[in-house]
Amino acid sequence: MTSPNNANPYNIRETEQFDAEWQGAVRLGYINPMVDPATLMHVRRWLAQSPYAIDQRPNVPANRRWVALNPRVWLWYSIVEDDRTVWLESVRIVGDN
């Protein structure tokens, strides 16, 4: 098992669910295909170095976190220490009435 304080970066991977939900959010207009992919690249670089920087949420497993892509879209991810991998798991629309 590795340590979260290890200096080596984490690998960033995307699940099929993440890819499908990303495309769905683009079709629905929640993700701007001209702006948000660049933001995703920034998030990926940041998570590769500091996946624990986001506070753990109550009643959520310790290895699952979310980061906001934009004010209406959260990206849920999980951290697998044994593999030094961060899995981008899902895309969630927030604040939808």
C-alpha atoms as a PDB file:
ATOM      1  CA  MET A   1       0.000   0.000   0.000  1.00  0.00           C
ATOM      2  CA  THR A   2       1.218   3.516  -0.773  1.00  0.00           C
ATOM      3  CA  SER A   3       0.860   6.713   1.190  1.00  0.00           C
ATOM      4  CA  PRO A   4      -1.223   9.752   0.198  1.00  0.00           C
ATOM      5  CA  ASN A   5       1.920  11.790   0.885  1.00  0.00           C
ATOM      6  CA  ASN A   6       3.956   9.968  -1.789  1.00  0.00           C
ATOM      7  CA  ALA A   7       5.600  12.434  -4.211  1.00  0.00           C
ATOM      8  CA  ASN A   8       4.743  10.367  -7.305  1.00  0.00           C
ATOM      9  CA  PRO A   9       1.666  11.576  -9.172  1.00  0.00           C
ATOM     10  CA  TYR A  10      -1.518   9.549  -9.385  1.00  0.00           C
ATOM     11  CA  ASN A  11      -2.772   8.086 -12.642  1.00  0.00           C
ATOM     12  CA  ILE A  12      -6.074   9.592 -13.729  1.00  0.00           C
ATOM     13  CA  ARG A  13      -8.587   7.284 -15.411  1.00  0.00           C
ATOM     14  CA  GLU A  14     -12.192   7.686 -16.513  1.00  0.00           C
ATOM     15  CA  THR A  15     -14.934   5.099 -16.174  1.00  0.00           C
ATOM     16  CA  GLU A  16     -17.342   4.325 -19.011  1.00  0.00           C
ATOM     17  CA  GLN A  17     -20.085   5.815 -16.844  1.00  0.00           C
ATOM     18  CA  PHE A  18     -18.117   9.067 -16.569  1.00  0.00           C
ATOM     19  CA  ASP A  19     -17.662   9.247 -20.350  1.00  0.00           C
ATOM     20  CA  ALA A  20     -21.358   8.578 -20.998  1.00  0.00           C
ATOM     21  CA  GLU A  21     -22.522  11.107 -18.401  1.00  0.00           C
ATOM     22  CA  TRP A  22     -20.065  13.699 -19.730  1.00  0.00           C
ATOM     23  CA  GLN A  23     -21.511  13.326 -23.234  1.00  0.00           C
ATOM     24  CA  GLY A  24     -25.040  13.508 -21.828  1.00  0.00           C
ATOM     25  CA  ALA A  25     -24.258  16.706 -19.921  1.00  0.00           C
ATOM     26  CA  VAL A  26     -22.787  18.209 -23.115  1.00  0.00           C
ATOM     27  CA  ARG A  27     -25.967  17.330 -25.046  1.00  0.00           C
ATOM     28  CA  LEU A  28     -28.124  18.869 -22.298  1.00  0.00           C
ATOM     29  CA  GLY A  29     -26.027  22.053 -22.265  1.00  0.00           C
ATOM     30  CA  TYR A  30     -24.609  21.743 -18.749  1.00  0.00           C
ATOM     31  CA  ILE A  31     -21.073  21.274 -20.077  1.00  0.00           C
ATOM     32  CA  ASN A  32     -19.737  23.806 -22.565  1.00  0.00           C
ATOM     33  CA  PRO A  33     -17.723  21.842 -25.150  1.00  0.00           C
ATOM     34  CA  MET A  34     -15.595  24.929 -25.889  1.00  0.00           C
ATOM     35  CA  VAL A  35     -14.596  25.737 -22.281  1.00  0.00           C
ATOM     36  CA  ASP A  36     -15.123  22.822 -19.914  1.00  0.00           C
ATOM     37  CA  PRO A  37     -12.726  20.297 -21.533  1.00  0.00           C
ATOM     38  CA  ALA A  38      -9.870  22.685 -20.691  1.00  0.00           C
ATOM     39  CA  THR A  39     -11.179  22.914 -17.134  1.00  0.00           C
ATOM     40  CA  LEU A  40     -11.290  19.105 -16.989  1.00  0.00           C
ATOM     41  CA  MET A  41      -7.630  18.943 -18.047  1.00  0.00           C
ATOM     42  CA  HIS A  42      -6.762  21.355 -15.238  1.00  0.00           C
ATOM     43  CA  VAL A  43      -8.750  19.239 -12.746  1.00  0.00           C
ATOM     44  CA  ARG A  44      -6.992  16.088 -13.986  1.00  0.00           C
ATOM     45  CA  ARG A  45      -3.531  17.663 -13.469  1.00  0.00           C
ATOM     46  CA  TRP A  46      -4.520  18.897 -10.022  1.00  0.00           C
ATOM     47  CA  LEU A  47      -5.975  15.519  -8.949  1.00  0.00           C
ATOM     48  CA  ALA A  48      -2.827  13.751 -10.154  1.00  0.00           C
ATOM     49  CA  GLN A  49      -0.895  15.717  -7.525  1.00  0.00           C
ATOM     50  CA  SER A  50      -3.437  16.335  -4.719  1.00  0.00           C
ATOM     51  CA  PRO A  51      -6.523  14.098  -4.802  1.00  0.00           C
ATOM     52  CA  TYR A  52      -7.003  14.485  -1.041  1.00  0.00           C
ATOM     53  CA  ALA A  53      -7.135  18.305  -1.175  1.00  0.00           C
ATOM     54  CA  ILE A  54     -10.935  18.159  -1.364  1.00  0.00           C
ATOM     55  CA  ASP A  55     -12.476  17.571   2.065  1.00  0.00           C
ATOM     56  CA  GLN A  56     -14.144  14.254   2.733  1.00  0.00           C
ATOM     57  CA  ARG A  57     -17.948  14.525   2.852  1.00  0.00           C
ATOM     58  CA  PRO A  58     -20.023  13.088   5.698  1.00  0.00           C
ATOM     59  CA  ASN A  59     -21.613   9.692   4.977  1.00  0.00           C
ATOM     60  CA  VAL A  60     -19.395   9.180   1.897  1.00  0.00           C
ATOM     61  CA  PRO A  61     -16.568   6.606   1.822  1.00  0.00           C
ATOM     62  CA  ALA A  62     -13.172   8.119   2.642  1.00  0.00           C
ATOM     63  CA  ASN A  63     -11.818   7.489  -0.851  1.00  0.00           C
ATOM     64  CA  ARG A  64     -14.712   9.214  -2.698  1.00  0.00           C
ATOM     65  CA  ARG A  65     -14.772  12.969  -3.294  1.00  0.00           C
ATOM     66  CA  TRP A  66     -16.205  15.468  -5.764  1.00  0.00           C
ATOM     67  CA  VAL A  67     -14.900  18.568  -7.443  1.00  0.00           C
ATOM     68  CA  ALA A  68     -16.948  21.227  -9.239  1.00  0.00           C
ATOM     69  CA  LEU A  69     -16.327  21.469 -12.984  1.00  0.00           C
ATOM     70  CA  ASN A  70     -18.581  24.523 -13.174  1.00  0.00           C
ATOM     71  CA  PRO A  71     -21.351  25.872 -10.900  1.00  0.00           C
ATOM     72  CA  ARG A  72     -23.851  23.239 -12.146  1.00  0.00           C
ATOM     73  CA  VAL A  73     -21.639  20.156 -12.637  1.00  0.00           C
ATOM     74  CA  TRP A  74     -19.839  18.036 -10.055  1.00  0.00           C
ATOM     75  CA  LEU A  75     -17.314  15.374 -10.968  1.00  0.00           C
ATOM     76  CA  TRP A  76     -17.239  12.467  -8.516  1.00  0.00           C
ATOM     77  CA  TYR A  77     -13.990  10.555  -8.194  1.00  0.00           C
ATOM     78  CA  SER A  78     -12.474   7.793  -6.119  1.00  0.00           C
ATOM     79  CA  ILE A  79      -8.894   7.281  -5.007  1.00  0.00           C
ATOM     80  CA  VAL A  80      -7.347   3.818  -5.162  1.00  0.00           C
ATOM     81  CA  GLU A  81      -4.125   4.008  -3.152  1.00  0.00           C
ATOM     82  CA  ASP A  82      -2.918   0.494  -4.009  1.00  0.00           C
ATOM     83  CA  ASP A  83      -2.785   1.485  -7.693  1.00  0.00           C
ATOM     84  CA  ARG A  84      -2.061   5.218  -7.189  1.00  0.00           C
ATOM     85  CA  THR A  85      -5.060   5.822  -9.420  1.00  0.00           C
ATOM     86  CA  VAL A  86      -7.832   8.396  -9.309  1.00  0.00           C
ATOM     87  CA  TRP A  87     -10.951   7.216 -11.117  1.00  0.00           C
ATOM     88  CA  LEU A  88     -13.254   9.891 -12.500  1.00  0.00           C
ATOM     89  CA  GLU A  89     -16.505   8.041 -11.856  1.00  0.00           C
ATOM     90  CA  SER A  90     -19.514  10.198 -12.607  1.00  0.00           C
ATOM     91  CA  VAL A  91     -20.815  13.573 -13.736  1.00  0.00           C
ATOM     92  CA  ARG A  92     -23.644  15.006 -11.639  1.00  0.00           C
ATOM     93  CA  ILE A  93     -25.885  17.958 -12.430  1.00  0.00           C
ATOM     94  CA  VAL A  94     -26.587  19.988  -9.273  1.00  0.00           C
ATOM     95  CA  GLY A  95     -29.206  22.559  -8.472  1.00  0.00           C
ATOM     96  CA  ASP A  96     -31.616  21.309 -11.128  1.00  0.00           C
ATOM     97  CA  ASN A  97     -35.200  22.166 -10.211  1.00  0.00           C
END
